[in-house]
Amino acid sequence: MINDLVLFVDSEDTPRIPMQSFNDVIQIRVVGVPGPIYRGHIEAFQQLSKILLFIVVVLSIGRVYKIATTNQTGDSGRRISTTNAQSDGTTASRERT
């Protein structure tokens, strides 16, 4: 535990503490305090892993069931008629299904 806390103030009145004291302070377990830094990194990595796993599962389900990646559904059963102008002044019409 910390017996003495030393606080230094530099010429610009910025409070500073020694590095060893800082390392000792961040290891103190108090309710509501983040605690050791490595714990935060482990929790962040766990949350990132869950997100990545979710994305992989969603993408694999989409691939198995052939779900489109855009909101365009492709062939919806309706006919699309297009008209093209030809060089001789006539028009050609074709239908797509």
C-alpha atoms as a PDB file:
ATOM      1  CA  MET A   1       0.000   0.000   0.000  1.00  0.00           C
ATOM      2  CA  ILE A   2       1.039   3.594  -0.386  1.00  0.00           C
ATOM      3  CA  ASN A   3       2.493   5.138   2.750  1.00  0.00           C
ATOM      4  CA  ASP A   4       3.508   8.538   1.413  1.00  0.00           C
ATOM      5  CA  LEU A   5       2.190  10.437  -1.563  1.00  0.00           C
ATOM      6  CA  VAL A   6       4.531  13.015  -3.015  1.00  0.00           C
ATOM      7  CA  LEU A   7       3.157  15.745  -5.232  1.00  0.00           C
ATOM      8  CA  PHE A   8       5.467  17.976  -7.224  1.00  0.00           C
ATOM      9  CA  VAL A   9       4.455  21.238  -8.858  1.00  0.00           C
ATOM     10  CA  ASP A  10       6.498  22.491 -11.805  1.00  0.00           C
ATOM     11  CA  SER A  11       7.159  26.111 -12.849  1.00  0.00           C
ATOM     12  CA  GLU A  12       3.810  26.271 -14.687  1.00  0.00           C
ATOM     13  CA  ASP A  13       1.890  25.079 -11.609  1.00  0.00           C
ATOM     14  CA  THR A  14       1.172  21.677 -13.155  1.00  0.00           C
ATOM     15  CA  PRO A  15       0.869  19.029 -10.457  1.00  0.00           C
ATOM     16  CA  ARG A  16       3.006  15.923 -11.034  1.00  0.00           C
ATOM     17  CA  ILE A  17       3.589  12.704  -9.105  1.00  0.00           C
ATOM     18  CA  PRO A  18       6.455  10.231  -9.455  1.00  0.00           C
ATOM     19  CA  MET A  19       5.942   7.388 -11.936  1.00  0.00           C
ATOM     20  CA  GLN A  20       6.299   4.695  -9.263  1.00  0.00           C
ATOM     21  CA  SER A  21       3.596   6.365  -7.168  1.00  0.00           C
ATOM     22  CA  PHE A  22       1.338   6.569 -10.216  1.00  0.00           C
ATOM     23  CA  ASN A  23       1.826   2.859 -10.936  1.00  0.00           C
ATOM     24  CA  ASP A  24       1.061   2.020  -7.308  1.00  0.00           C
ATOM     25  CA  VAL A  25      -2.090   4.164  -7.320  1.00  0.00           C
ATOM     26  CA  ILE A  26      -3.574   2.612 -10.457  1.00  0.00           C
ATOM     27  CA  GLN A  27      -3.291  -0.841  -8.885  1.00  0.00           C
ATOM     28  CA  ILE A  28      -5.536   0.108  -5.923  1.00  0.00           C
ATOM     29  CA  ARG A  29      -8.902  -1.669  -6.087  1.00  0.00           C
ATOM     30  CA  VAL A  30     -11.698   0.782  -5.263  1.00  0.00           C
ATOM     31  CA  VAL A  31     -15.357   0.575  -6.232  1.00  0.00           C
ATOM     32  CA  GLY A  32     -16.105   2.805  -9.223  1.00  0.00           C
ATOM     33  CA  VAL A  33     -12.471   3.120 -10.303  1.00  0.00           C
ATOM     34  CA  PRO A  34     -11.341   1.503 -13.585  1.00  0.00           C
ATOM     35  CA  GLY A  35      -8.516  -0.426 -11.932  1.00  0.00           C
ATOM     36  CA  PRO A  36      -5.471  -1.883 -13.648  1.00  0.00           C
ATOM     37  CA  ILE A  37      -5.046  -0.992 -17.303  1.00  0.00           C
ATOM     38  CA  TYR A  38      -4.606  -4.585 -18.492  1.00  0.00           C
ATOM     39  CA  ARG A  39      -8.132  -5.399 -17.296  1.00  0.00           C
ATOM     40  CA  GLY A  40      -9.580  -2.692 -19.508  1.00  0.00           C
ATOM     41  CA  HIS A  41      -7.640  -4.053 -22.457  1.00  0.00           C
ATOM     42  CA  ILE A  42      -8.888  -7.587 -21.818  1.00  0.00           C
ATOM     43  CA  GLU A  43     -12.514  -6.434 -21.573  1.00  0.00           C
ATOM     44  CA  ALA A  44     -12.198  -4.354 -24.748  1.00  0.00           C
ATOM     45  CA  PHE A  45     -10.703  -7.332 -26.590  1.00  0.00           C
ATOM     46  CA  GLN A  46     -13.551  -9.563 -25.405  1.00  0.00           C
ATOM     47  CA  GLN A  47     -16.152  -7.087 -26.645  1.00  0.00           C
ATOM     48  CA  LEU A  48     -14.351  -6.723 -29.985  1.00  0.00           C
ATOM     49  CA  SER A  49     -14.251 -10.520 -30.327  1.00  0.00           C
ATOM     50  CA  LYS A  50     -18.014 -10.714 -29.745  1.00  0.00           C
ATOM     51  CA  ILE A  51     -18.636  -8.087 -32.415  1.00  0.00           C
ATOM     52  CA  LEU A  52     -16.391  -9.842 -34.938  1.00  0.00           C
ATOM     53  CA  LEU A  53     -18.012 -13.206 -34.206  1.00  0.00           C
ATOM     54  CA  PHE A  54     -21.450 -11.673 -34.744  1.00  0.00           C
ATOM     55  CA  ILE A  55     -20.370 -10.204 -38.099  1.00  0.00           C
ATOM     56  CA  VAL A  56     -18.905 -13.537 -39.234  1.00  0.00           C
ATOM     57  CA  VAL A  57     -22.094 -15.380 -38.275  1.00  0.00           C
ATOM     58  CA  VAL A  58     -24.329 -12.860 -40.065  1.00  0.00           C
ATOM     59  CA  LEU A  59     -22.189 -12.937 -43.215  1.00  0.00           C
ATOM     60  CA  SER A  60     -22.075 -16.730 -43.259  1.00  0.00           C
ATOM     61  CA  ILE A  61     -25.860 -16.984 -42.841  1.00  0.00           C
ATOM     62  CA  GLY A  62     -26.243 -14.503 -45.691  1.00  0.00           C
ATOM     63  CA  ARG A  63     -23.987 -16.614 -47.869  1.00  0.00           C
ATOM     64  CA  VAL A  64     -25.782 -19.882 -47.052  1.00  0.00           C
ATOM     65  CA  TYR A  65     -29.241 -18.466 -47.759  1.00  0.00           C
ATOM     66  CA  LYS A  66     -27.978 -16.277 -50.633  1.00  0.00           C
ATOM     67  CA  ILE A  67     -29.237 -13.039 -49.137  1.00  0.00           C
ATOM     68  CA  ALA A  68     -28.349  -9.951 -51.196  1.00  0.00           C
ATOM     69  CA  THR A  69     -25.855  -7.587 -49.604  1.00  0.00           C
ATOM     70  CA  THR A  70     -27.734  -4.518 -50.913  1.00  0.00           C
ATOM     71  CA  ASN A  71     -31.352  -3.560 -50.689  1.00  0.00           C
ATOM     72  CA  GLN A  72     -31.836  -4.416 -54.369  1.00  0.00           C
ATOM     73  CA  THR A  73     -33.634  -7.713 -54.538  1.00  0.00           C
ATOM     74  CA  GLY A  74     -32.697  -8.479 -58.131  1.00  0.00           C
ATOM     75  CA  ASP A  75     -35.363 -10.322 -60.111  1.00  0.00           C
ATOM     76  CA  SER A  76     -38.652  -9.559 -58.411  1.00  0.00           C
ATOM     77  CA  GLY A  77     -40.824 -11.139 -61.108  1.00  0.00           C
ATOM     78  CA  ARG A  78     -41.724  -7.942 -62.967  1.00  0.00           C
ATOM     79  CA  ARG A  79     -40.840  -7.185 -66.562  1.00  0.00           C
ATOM     80  CA  ILE A  80     -38.673  -4.201 -67.406  1.00  0.00           C
ATOM     81  CA  SER A  81     -39.126  -2.759 -70.869  1.00  0.00           C
ATOM     82  CA  THR A  82     -36.283  -0.783 -72.413  1.00  0.00           C
ATOM     83  CA  THR A  83     -36.259   1.123 -75.668  1.00  0.00           C
ATOM     84  CA  ASN A  84     -33.069   1.823 -77.597  1.00  0.00           C
ATOM     85  CA  ALA A  85     -32.729   4.288 -80.440  1.00  0.00           C
ATOM     86  CA  GLN A  86     -31.008   2.843 -83.488  1.00  0.00           C
ATOM     87  CA  SER A  87     -28.866   4.737 -85.961  1.00  0.00           C
ATOM     88  CA  ASP A  88     -31.506   4.578 -88.721  1.00  0.00           C
ATOM     89  CA  GLY A  89     -34.089   6.430 -86.647  1.00  0.00           C
ATOM     90  CA  THR A  90     -36.122   3.396 -85.612  1.00  0.00           C
ATOM     91  CA  THR A  91     -36.413   2.127 -82.108  1.00  0.00           C
ATOM     92  CA  ALA A  92     -35.836  -1.376 -80.872  1.00  0.00           C
ATOM     93  CA  SER A  93     -37.702  -2.651 -77.882  1.00  0.00           C
ATOM     94  CA  ARG A  94     -36.762  -5.597 -75.744  1.00  0.00           C
ATOM     95  CA  GLU A  95     -38.111  -7.039 -72.541  1.00  0.00           C
ATOM     96  CA  ARG A  96     -36.176  -8.473 -69.658  1.00  0.00           C
ATOM     97  CA  THR A  97     -37.560 -10.818 -67.105  1.00  0.00           C
END
